[in-house]
Amino acid sequence: MSNEAEDNVLLTSTQGAVRVLKINDPATRNSIGPEFFEAASQAISEANSQSGIGAVVIAGAGDFFSSGGNLKMLAQVGQRAPEERRARLELLHDLIRNIRKSPKPVIAAVEGGASGAGMSLALAADLLVAAHDAFFSAAYVKAGMTPDGGLTALLAESLPRQFATQLCLTGERVGAARLHELGVVNSLSEPGQALASAIELGQQLALGPERAIGRILGLCASAPHLDLKEQMDCEAQSMTDSLGDAEAAEGIAAVLARRSTDFVVLRQAESEATNRIGRA
């Protein structure tokens, strides 16, 4: 099933258990600005609140992911007071934070290219699928600007310092195939198939244990920033919570009985029980 809603900056649709968000400005190679930042943040929050959604895919309309900030708009923003410039950036940063803290997997599907803030947006996702001919570029320096959207932090998580510095200082393009070799891009697709591949991956993840997946995402996000003791404390708490969860009961029982797990049926049963309590 797919139903699509459209506004000026964002296309949203549902493919099974996957919510698809498309940047909707093909004429500017899907440049992004405050209106998009707010719409996408709201769409991710809505997806997180819906039990039938198991993953979110972010893509660009047409044949390009995102060229980043609209330079004509940025030139106008440069004439405003520093407080106004900063407020605009915080909307982008709110979106990146919402992606990173999402309890449901967020997958970027990159066709064509991802530049500037578009690269930040792609790297913020938990998983990244890209067409093998796509490119990525930290292009800010070419326009006399510096990275935003958490790009330097996201690059530092993924790449050696020297390579990340090179990308930021030169703004040069790096191919998706190269980033796949380095483990930044999870999988490559044929041109035009990145979105389909990302949706397929999202459907697979949506069959898994929703709460356990949310805890795993949290652990993976905290691991680069905590020392070993702090991270193991997080793991201990997460495992403690998981062991008391119906998902673990189902998973363990299935493994011992050598049968397939069915977390979707479990979620449906839990939802029905919650609805019955609500009606009582």
C-alpha atoms as a PDB file:
ATOM      1  CA  MET A   1       0.000   0.000   0.000  1.00  0.00           C
ATOM      2  CA  SER A   2       1.234   3.484  -0.807  1.00  0.00           C
ATOM      3  CA  ASN A   3      -0.529   6.761  -0.169  1.00  0.00           C
ATOM      4  CA  GLU A   4       1.237  10.004  -0.919  1.00  0.00           C
ATOM      5  CA  ALA A   5       0.844  13.454   0.551  1.00  0.00           C
ATOM      6  CA  GLU A   6       2.521  16.520  -0.907  1.00  0.00           C
ATOM      7  CA  ASP A   7       3.380  19.999   0.244  1.00  0.00           C
ATOM      8  CA  ASN A   8       5.786  22.523  -1.216  1.00  0.00           C
ATOM      9  CA  VAL A   9       8.930  20.941   0.197  1.00  0.00           C
ATOM     10  CA  LEU A  10       8.193  17.365   1.228  1.00  0.00           C
ATOM     11  CA  LEU A  11       6.508  14.331  -0.294  1.00  0.00           C
ATOM     12  CA  THR A  12       5.427  11.654   2.169  1.00  0.00           C
ATOM     13  CA  SER A  13       4.183   8.172   1.385  1.00  0.00           C
ATOM     14  CA  THR A  14       3.785   4.835   3.122  1.00  0.00           C
ATOM     15  CA  GLN A  15       5.108   1.641   1.571  1.00  0.00           C
ATOM     16  CA  GLY A  16       3.974  -1.197   3.828  1.00  0.00           C
ATOM     17  CA  ALA A  17       5.673  -0.545   7.166  1.00  0.00           C
ATOM     18  CA  VAL A  18       8.057   2.075   5.742  1.00  0.00           C
ATOM     19  CA  ARG A  19       7.415   5.821   5.762  1.00  0.00           C
ATOM     20  CA  VAL A  20       9.101   7.493   2.782  1.00  0.00           C
ATOM     21  CA  LEU A  21      10.062  11.168   2.919  1.00  0.00           C
ATOM     22  CA  LYS A  22      11.131  12.832  -0.333  1.00  0.00           C
ATOM     23  CA  ILE A  23      12.794  16.217  -0.574  1.00  0.00           C
ATOM     24  CA  ASN A  24      10.614  17.962  -3.129  1.00  0.00           C
ATOM     25  CA  ASP A  25      12.463  20.616  -5.110  1.00  0.00           C
ATOM     26  CA  PRO A  26      13.909  18.915  -8.222  1.00  0.00           C
ATOM     27  CA  ALA A  27      14.380  22.259  -9.995  1.00  0.00           C
ATOM     28  CA  THR A  28      17.148  23.155  -7.509  1.00  0.00           C
ATOM     29  CA  ARG A  29      18.409  19.576  -7.175  1.00  0.00           C
ATOM     30  CA  ASN A  30      16.416  19.376  -3.960  1.00  0.00           C
ATOM     31  CA  SER A  31      18.008  22.229  -2.079  1.00  0.00           C
ATOM     32  CA  ILE A  32      16.834  22.393   1.516  1.00  0.00           C
ATOM     33  CA  GLY A  33      15.901  25.213   3.875  1.00  0.00           C
ATOM     34  CA  PRO A  34      13.919  26.047   7.018  1.00  0.00           C
ATOM     35  CA  GLU A  35      10.535  25.014   5.609  1.00  0.00           C
ATOM     36  CA  PHE A  36      11.912  21.590   4.748  1.00  0.00           C
ATOM     37  CA  PHE A  37      13.731  21.240   8.077  1.00  0.00           C
ATOM     38  CA  GLU A  38      10.522  21.813  10.012  1.00  0.00           C
ATOM     39  CA  ALA A  39       8.365  19.610   7.765  1.00  0.00           C
ATOM     40  CA  ALA A  40      10.834  16.720   7.868  1.00  0.00           C
ATOM     41  CA  SER A  41      11.236  16.949  11.660  1.00  0.00           C
ATOM     42  CA  GLN A  42       7.476  16.804  12.063  1.00  0.00           C
ATOM     43  CA  ALA A  43       7.189  13.870   9.639  1.00  0.00           C
ATOM     44  CA  ILE A  44       9.827  11.881  11.526  1.00  0.00           C
ATOM     45  CA  SER A  45       8.089  12.553  14.845  1.00  0.00           C
ATOM     46  CA  GLU A  46       4.786  11.390  13.355  1.00  0.00           C
ATOM     47  CA  ALA A  47       6.378   8.205  12.013  1.00  0.00           C
ATOM     48  CA  ASN A  48       7.909   7.486  15.405  1.00  0.00           C
ATOM     49  CA  SER A  49       4.487   7.753  17.047  1.00  0.00           C
ATOM     50  CA  GLN A  50       2.827   5.247  14.700  1.00  0.00           C
ATOM     51  CA  SER A  51       3.086   1.585  15.672  1.00  0.00           C
ATOM     52  CA  GLY A  52       2.569   0.403  12.096  1.00  0.00           C
ATOM     53  CA  ILE A  53       5.698   2.185  10.880  1.00  0.00           C
ATOM     54  CA  GLY A  54       8.945   0.262  11.352  1.00  0.00           C
ATOM     55  CA  ALA A  55      11.432   2.398   9.422  1.00  0.00           C
ATOM     56  CA  VAL A  56      11.811   5.762   7.692  1.00  0.00           C
ATOM     57  CA  VAL A  57      13.471   6.328   4.315  1.00  0.00           C
ATOM     58  CA  ILE A  58      14.689   9.760   3.215  1.00  0.00           C
ATOM     59  CA  ALA A  59      15.198  10.334  -0.521  1.00  0.00           C
ATOM     60  CA  GLY A  60      15.112  13.115  -3.075  1.00  0.00           C
ATOM     61  CA  ALA A  61      12.440  13.611  -5.709  1.00  0.00           C
ATOM     62  CA  GLY A  62      13.788  13.023  -9.206  1.00  0.00           C
ATOM     63  CA  ASP A  63      17.343  11.886  -9.819  1.00  0.00           C
ATOM     64  CA  PHE A  64      19.244  13.798  -7.114  1.00  0.00           C
ATOM     65  CA  PHE A  65      19.269  13.470  -3.331  1.00  0.00           C
ATOM     66  CA  SER A  66      20.052  17.031  -2.239  1.00  0.00           C
ATOM     67  CA  SER A  67      22.347  19.864  -3.258  1.00  0.00           C
ATOM     68  CA  GLY A  68      22.204  21.311   0.275  1.00  0.00           C
ATOM     69  CA  GLY A  69      21.337  24.886   1.088  1.00  0.00           C
ATOM     70  CA  ASN A  70      19.931  27.158  -1.609  1.00  0.00           C
ATOM     71  CA  LEU A  71      22.761  29.627  -2.305  1.00  0.00           C
ATOM     72  CA  LYS A  72      20.451  32.467  -3.338  1.00  0.00           C
ATOM     73  CA  MET A  73      18.576  32.108  -0.065  1.00  0.00           C
ATOM     74  CA  LEU A  74      21.815  31.834   1.907  1.00  0.00           C
ATOM     75  CA  ALA A  75      23.069  35.068   0.327  1.00  0.00           C
ATOM     76  CA  GLN A  76      19.961  36.803   1.674  1.00  0.00           C
ATOM     77  CA  VAL A  77      20.363  35.190   5.093  1.00  0.00           C
ATOM     78  CA  GLY A  78      23.924  36.510   5.203  1.00  0.00           C
ATOM     79  CA  GLN A  79      22.524  40.057   5.284  1.00  0.00           C
ATOM     80  CA  ARG A  80      20.516  39.396   8.437  1.00  0.00           C
ATOM     81  CA  ALA A  81      21.510  39.778  12.068  1.00  0.00           C
ATOM     82  CA  PRO A  82      23.638  36.989  13.581  1.00  0.00           C
ATOM     83  CA  GLU A  83      20.736  35.883  15.791  1.00  0.00           C
ATOM     84  CA  GLU A  84      18.544  35.311  12.738  1.00  0.00           C
ATOM     85  CA  ARG A  85      21.304  33.427  10.939  1.00  0.00           C
ATOM     86  CA  ARG A  86      21.813  31.208  13.972  1.00  0.00           C
ATOM     87  CA  ALA A  87      18.077  30.521  14.370  1.00  0.00           C
ATOM     88  CA  ARG A  88      17.901  29.248  10.810  1.00  0.00           C
ATOM     89  CA  LEU A  89      20.796  26.876  11.416  1.00  0.00           C
ATOM     90  CA  GLU A  90      19.190  25.541  14.581  1.00  0.00           C
ATOM     91  CA  LEU A  91      16.224  24.306  12.522  1.00  0.00           C
ATOM     92  CA  LEU A  92      18.636  22.185  10.473  1.00  0.00           C
ATOM     93  CA  HIS A  93      20.359  20.982  13.608  1.00  0.00           C
ATOM     94  CA  ASP A  94      17.014  20.059  15.179  1.00  0.00           C
ATOM     95  CA  LEU A  95      16.298  17.881  12.152  1.00  0.00           C
ATOM     96  CA  ILE A  96      19.682  16.154  12.362  1.00  0.00           C
ATOM     97  CA  ARG A  97      19.173  15.530  16.091  1.00  0.00           C
ATOM     98  CA  ASN A  98      15.677  14.137  15.445  1.00  0.00           C
ATOM     99  CA  ILE A  99      17.108  11.708  12.892  1.00  0.00           C
ATOM    100  CA  ARG A 100      19.893  10.587  15.208  1.00  0.00           C
ATOM    101  CA  LYS A 101      17.622  10.041  18.215  1.00  0.00           C
ATOM    102  CA  SER A 102      14.831   8.322  16.271  1.00  0.00           C
ATOM    103  CA  PRO A 103      13.916   4.969  17.874  1.00  0.00           C
ATOM    104  CA  LYS A 104      13.113   3.650  14.405  1.00  0.00           C
ATOM    105  CA  PRO A 105      15.791   3.090  11.756  1.00  0.00           C
ATOM    106  CA  VAL A 106      16.253   5.957   9.320  1.00  0.00           C
ATOM    107  CA  ILE A 107      17.671   5.030   5.910  1.00  0.00           C
ATOM    108  CA  ALA A 108      18.998   7.493   3.337  1.00  0.00           C
ATOM    109  CA  ALA A 109      18.511   6.601  -0.339  1.00  0.00           C
ATOM    110  CA  VAL A 110      20.956   8.640  -2.400  1.00  0.00           C
ATOM    111  CA  GLU A 111      20.698   9.104  -6.155  1.00  0.00           C
ATOM    112  CA  GLY A 112      22.853  11.555  -8.096  1.00  0.00           C
ATOM    113  CA  GLY A 113      24.572  13.351  -5.277  1.00  0.00           C
ATOM    114  CA  ALA A 114      24.469  14.711  -1.750  1.00  0.00           C
ATOM    115  CA  SER A 115      26.256  18.037  -1.222  1.00  0.00           C
ATOM    116  CA  GLY A 116      26.686  20.348   1.746  1.00  0.00           C
ATOM    117  CA  ALA A 117      23.771  20.006   4.138  1.00  0.00           C
ATOM    118  CA  GLY A 118      22.478  17.258   1.848  1.00  0.00           C
ATOM    119  CA  MET A 119      25.573  15.251   2.768  1.00  0.00           C
ATOM    120  CA  SER A 120      24.915  15.963   6.452  1.00  0.00           C
ATOM    121  CA  LEU A 121      21.362  14.727   6.023  1.00  0.00           C
ATOM    122  CA  ALA A 122      22.486  11.513   4.321  1.00  0.00           C
ATOM    123  CA  LEU A 123      25.209  10.744   6.864  1.00  0.00           C
ATOM    124  CA  ALA A 124      22.864  11.407   9.781  1.00  0.00           C
ATOM    125  CA  ALA A 125      20.773   8.385   8.762  1.00  0.00           C
ATOM    126  CA  ASP A 126      21.400   5.072  10.502  1.00  0.00           C
ATOM    127  CA  LEU A 127      21.908   3.296   7.191  1.00  0.00           C
ATOM    128  CA  LEU A 128      22.832   4.588   3.757  1.00  0.00           C
ATOM    129  CA  VAL A 129      21.956   3.117   0.354  1.00  0.00           C
ATOM    130  CA  ALA A 130      23.398   4.862  -2.700  1.00  0.00           C
ATOM    131  CA  ALA A 131      23.455   4.413  -6.450  1.00  0.00           C
ATOM    132  CA  HIS A 132      26.944   3.317  -7.454  1.00  0.00           C
ATOM    133  CA  ASP A 133      27.382   6.452  -9.591  1.00  0.00           C
ATOM    134  CA  ALA A 134      26.281   8.874  -6.854  1.00  0.00           C
ATOM    135  CA  PHE A 135      28.712  11.295  -5.205  1.00  0.00           C
ATOM    136  CA  PHE A 136      29.069  13.097  -1.898  1.00  0.00           C
ATOM    137  CA  SER A 137      30.615  16.523  -1.378  1.00  0.00           C
ATOM    138  CA  ALA A 138      31.289  18.721   1.645  1.00  0.00           C
ATOM    139  CA  ALA A 139      31.047  21.651  -0.739  1.00  0.00           C
ATOM    140  CA  TYR A 140      30.834  24.520   1.747  1.00  0.00           C
ATOM    141  CA  VAL A 141      34.413  25.740   1.265  1.00  0.00           C
ATOM    142  CA  LYS A 142      33.804  26.366  -2.432  1.00  0.00           C
ATOM    143  CA  ALA A 143      31.296  29.052  -1.455  1.00  0.00           C
ATOM    144  CA  GLY A 144      33.445  30.464   1.356  1.00  0.00           C
ATOM    145  CA  MET A 145      31.430  28.762   4.104  1.00  0.00           C
ATOM    146  CA  THR A 146      31.981  26.153   6.804  1.00  0.00           C
ATOM    147  CA  PRO A 147      30.147  22.855   7.416  1.00  0.00           C
ATOM    148  CA  ASP A 148      26.934  22.673   9.409  1.00  0.00           C
ATOM    149  CA  GLY A 149      24.304  20.041  10.115  1.00  0.00           C
ATOM    150  CA  GLY A 150      26.800  18.114  12.222  1.00  0.00           C
ATOM    151  CA  LEU A 151      28.829  17.212   9.154  1.00  0.00           C
ATOM    152  CA  THR A 152      32.240  17.378  10.841  1.00  0.00           C
ATOM    153  CA  ALA A 153      31.006  15.173  13.692  1.00  0.00           C
ATOM    154  CA  LEU A 154      29.373  12.726  11.297  1.00  0.00           C
ATOM    155  CA  LEU A 155      32.522  12.514   9.170  1.00  0.00           C
ATOM    156  CA  ALA A 156      34.637  12.003  12.301  1.00  0.00           C
ATOM    157  CA  GLU A 157      32.487   9.012  13.237  1.00  0.00           C
ATOM    158  CA  SER A 158      32.996   7.419   9.847  1.00  0.00           C
ATOM    159  CA  LEU A 159      36.365   8.391   8.381  1.00  0.00           C
ATOM    160  CA  PRO A 160      40.013   8.917   9.348  1.00  0.00           C
ATOM    161  CA  ARG A 161      40.674  12.497  10.447  1.00  0.00           C
ATOM    162  CA  GLN A 162      42.953  13.248   7.505  1.00  0.00           C
ATOM    163  CA  PHE A 163      40.403  12.122   4.915  1.00  0.00           C
ATOM    164  CA  ALA A 164      37.542  13.959   6.627  1.00  0.00           C
ATOM    165  CA  THR A 165      39.689  17.109   6.773  1.00  0.00           C
ATOM    166  CA  GLN A 166      40.571  16.760   3.091  1.00  0.00           C
ATOM    167  CA  LEU A 167      36.906  16.526   2.102  1.00  0.00           C
ATOM    168  CA  CYS A 168      36.031  19.642   4.111  1.00  0.00           C
ATOM    169  CA  LEU A 169      39.031  21.699   2.967  1.00  0.00           C
ATOM    170  CA  THR A 170      38.693  20.909  -0.738  1.00  0.00           C
ATOM    171  CA  GLY A 171      34.959  20.337  -1.209  1.00  0.00           C
ATOM    172  CA  GLU A 172      35.921  17.623  -3.690  1.00  0.00           C
ATOM    173  CA  ARG A 173      33.502  14.913  -4.686  1.00  0.00           C
ATOM    174  CA  VAL A 174      33.922  11.401  -3.353  1.00  0.00           C
ATOM    175  CA  GLY A 175      32.073   8.576  -5.075  1.00  0.00           C
ATOM    176  CA  ALA A 176      29.566   6.318  -3.376  1.00  0.00           C
ATOM    177  CA  ALA A 177      31.671   3.311  -4.373  1.00  0.00           C
ATOM    178  CA  ARG A 178      34.661   4.726  -2.440  1.00  0.00           C
ATOM    179  CA  LEU A 179      32.541   5.372   0.635  1.00  0.00           C
ATOM    180  CA  HIS A 180      31.142   1.878   0.332  1.00  0.00           C
ATOM    181  CA  GLU A 181      34.690   0.522   0.468  1.00  0.00           C
ATOM    182  CA  LEU A 182      35.230   2.531   3.658  1.00  0.00           C
ATOM    183  CA  GLY A 183      32.003   1.277   5.232  1.00  0.00           C
ATOM    184  CA  VAL A 184      30.166   4.613   5.180  1.00  0.00           C
ATOM    185  CA  VAL A 185      27.679   3.525   2.517  1.00  0.00           C
ATOM    186  CA  ASN A 186      25.991   0.276   3.523  1.00  0.00           C
ATOM    187  CA  SER A 187      25.023  -0.899   0.064  1.00  0.00           C
ATOM    188  CA  LEU A 188      25.208   0.172  -3.566  1.00  0.00           C
ATOM    189  CA  SER A 189      22.387  -0.029  -6.076  1.00  0.00           C
ATOM    190  CA  GLU A 190      21.972   0.423  -9.774  1.00  0.00           C
ATOM    191  CA  PRO A 191      21.183   4.039 -10.734  1.00  0.00           C
ATOM    192  CA  GLY A 192      17.498   4.692 -10.206  1.00  0.00           C
ATOM    193  CA  GLN A 193      17.125   1.839  -7.712  1.00  0.00           C
ATOM    194  CA  ALA A 194      18.424   3.368  -4.468  1.00  0.00           C
ATOM    195  CA  LEU A 195      14.957   4.169  -3.154  1.00  0.00           C
ATOM    196  CA  ALA A 196      13.578   0.707  -3.952  1.00  0.00           C
ATOM    197  CA  SER A 197      16.595  -0.901  -2.274  1.00  0.00           C
ATOM    198  CA  ALA A 198      16.221   1.318   0.785  1.00  0.00           C
ATOM    199  CA  ILE A 199      12.499   0.528   1.085  1.00  0.00           C
ATOM    200  CA  GLU A 200      13.261  -3.199   0.831  1.00  0.00           C
ATOM    201  CA  LEU A 201      15.819  -2.838   3.620  1.00  0.00           C
ATOM    202  CA  GLY A 202      13.324  -0.866   5.690  1.00  0.00           C
ATOM    203  CA  GLN A 203      10.676  -3.569   5.236  1.00  0.00           C
ATOM    204  CA  GLN A 204      13.141  -6.185   6.502  1.00  0.00           C
ATOM    205  CA  LEU A 205      13.957  -4.115   9.574  1.00  0.00           C
ATOM    206  CA  ALA A 206      10.257  -3.489  10.237  1.00  0.00           C
ATOM    207  CA  LEU A 207       9.799  -7.234  10.800  1.00  0.00           C
ATOM    208  CA  GLY A 208      12.192  -7.112  13.750  1.00  0.00           C
ATOM    209  CA  PRO A 209      11.662  -6.400  17.468  1.00  0.00           C
ATOM    210  CA  GLU A 210      10.747  -2.723  17.543  1.00  0.00           C
ATOM    211  CA  ARG A 211      11.809  -1.902  21.103  1.00  0.00           C
ATOM    212  CA  ALA A 212      15.048  -3.892  20.891  1.00  0.00           C
ATOM    213  CA  ILE A 213      15.904  -2.113  17.641  1.00  0.00           C
ATOM    214  CA  GLY A 214      15.301   1.245  19.301  1.00  0.00           C
ATOM    215  CA  ARG A 215      17.653   0.281  22.140  1.00  0.00           C
ATOM    216  CA  ILE A 216      20.303  -0.909  19.678  1.00  0.00           C
ATOM    217  CA  LEU A 217      20.111   2.396  17.813  1.00  0.00           C
ATOM    218  CA  GLY A 218      20.617   4.239  21.084  1.00  0.00           C
ATOM    219  CA  LEU A 219      23.643   2.115  21.975  1.00  0.00           C
ATOM    220  CA  CYS A 220      25.218   2.570  18.550  1.00  0.00           C
ATOM    221  CA  ALA A 221      24.701   6.331  18.830  1.00  0.00           C
ATOM    222  CA  SER A 222      26.292   6.615  22.269  1.00  0.00           C
ATOM    223  CA  ALA A 223      29.237   4.260  21.684  1.00  0.00           C
ATOM    224  CA  PRO A 224      31.573   6.762  19.945  1.00  0.00           C
ATOM    225  CA  HIS A 225      31.081   9.359  22.685  1.00  0.00           C
ATOM    226  CA  LEU A 226      31.284   7.380  25.945  1.00  0.00           C
ATOM    227  CA  ASP A 227      34.193   5.624  27.582  1.00  0.00           C
ATOM    228  CA  LEU A 228      34.069   1.853  27.965  1.00  0.00           C
ATOM    229  CA  LYS A 229      32.610   1.864  31.471  1.00  0.00           C
ATOM    230  CA  GLU A 230      29.877   4.340  30.568  1.00  0.00           C
ATOM    231  CA  GLN A 231      28.968   2.410  27.432  1.00  0.00           C
ATOM    232  CA  MET A 232      28.853  -0.901  29.289  1.00  0.00           C
ATOM    233  CA  ASP A 233      26.572   0.710  31.875  1.00  0.00           C
ATOM    234  CA  CYS A 234      24.260   1.688  29.005  1.00  0.00           C
ATOM    235  CA  GLU A 235      24.452  -1.842  27.607  1.00  0.00           C
ATOM    236  CA  ALA A 236      23.679  -3.346  31.014  1.00  0.00           C
ATOM    237  CA  GLN A 237      20.592  -1.189  31.450  1.00  0.00           C
ATOM    238  CA  SER A 238      19.446  -1.896  27.906  1.00  0.00           C
ATOM    239  CA  MET A 239      19.873  -5.649  28.334  1.00  0.00           C
ATOM    240  CA  THR A 240      18.087  -5.510  31.684  1.00  0.00           C
ATOM    241  CA  ASP A 241      15.135  -3.819  30.018  1.00  0.00           C
ATOM    242  CA  SER A 242      15.217  -6.194  27.055  1.00  0.00           C
ATOM    243  CA  LEU A 243      15.197  -9.329  29.198  1.00  0.00           C
ATOM    244  CA  GLY A 244      11.973  -8.190  30.828  1.00  0.00           C
ATOM    245  CA  ASP A 245      10.336  -7.397  27.512  1.00  0.00           C
ATOM    246  CA  ALA A 246       7.801  -9.552  25.672  1.00  0.00           C
ATOM    247  CA  GLU A 247       9.993  -9.253  22.574  1.00  0.00           C
ATOM    248  CA  ALA A 248      12.773 -11.209  24.273  1.00  0.00           C
ATOM    249  CA  ALA A 249      10.272 -13.791  25.519  1.00  0.00           C
ATOM    250  CA  GLU A 250       9.075 -14.312  21.943  1.00  0.00           C
ATOM    251  CA  GLY A 251      12.576 -14.306  20.498  1.00  0.00           C
ATOM    252  CA  ILE A 252      14.026 -16.771  22.994  1.00  0.00           C
ATOM    253  CA  ALA A 253      11.026 -19.084  22.712  1.00  0.00           C
ATOM    254  CA  ALA A 254      11.282 -19.056  18.926  1.00  0.00           C
ATOM    255  CA  VAL A 255      14.987 -19.884  18.921  1.00  0.00           C
ATOM    256  CA  LEU A 256      14.542 -22.721  21.425  1.00  0.00           C
ATOM    257  CA  ALA A 257      11.602 -24.133  19.445  1.00  0.00           C
ATOM    258  CA  ARG A 258      13.520 -23.685  16.174  1.00  0.00           C
ATOM    259  CA  ARG A 259      10.694 -21.681  14.661  1.00  0.00           C
ATOM    260  CA  SER A 260      10.561 -18.263  13.051  1.00  0.00           C
ATOM    261  CA  THR A 261       9.968 -15.247  15.233  1.00  0.00           C
ATOM    262  CA  ASP A 262       6.891 -13.142  14.589  1.00  0.00           C
ATOM    263  CA  PHE A 263       7.341  -9.773  16.195  1.00  0.00           C
ATOM    264  CA  VAL A 264       4.674  -8.233  13.948  1.00  0.00           C
ATOM    265  CA  VAL A 265       1.997 -10.498  15.444  1.00  0.00           C
ATOM    266  CA  LEU A 266       3.312  -9.653  18.914  1.00  0.00           C
ATOM    267  CA  ARG A 267       3.000  -5.924  18.233  1.00  0.00           C
ATOM    268  CA  GLN A 268      -0.517  -6.373  16.900  1.00  0.00           C
ATOM    269  CA  ALA A 269      -1.525  -8.316  20.012  1.00  0.00           C
ATOM    270  CA  GLU A 270       0.002  -5.652  22.255  1.00  0.00           C
ATOM    271  CA  SER A 271      -1.774  -2.895  20.336  1.00  0.00           C
ATOM    272  CA  GLU A 272      -5.116  -4.686  20.610  1.00  0.00           C
ATOM    273  CA  ALA A 273      -4.605  -5.185  24.348  1.00  0.00           C
ATOM    274  CA  THR A 274      -3.815  -1.482  24.762  1.00  0.00           C
ATOM    275  CA  ASN A 275      -6.942  -0.539  22.819  1.00  0.00           C
ATOM    276  CA  ARG A 276      -9.096  -2.812  24.971  1.00  0.00           C
ATOM    277  CA  ILE A 277      -7.739  -1.191  28.121  1.00  0.00           C
ATOM    278  CA  GLY A 278      -8.400   2.237  26.632  1.00  0.00           C
ATOM    279  CA  ARG A 279     -12.032   1.329  25.898  1.00  0.00           C
ATOM    280  CA  ALA A 280     -12.617  -0.192  29.343  1.00  0.00           C
END
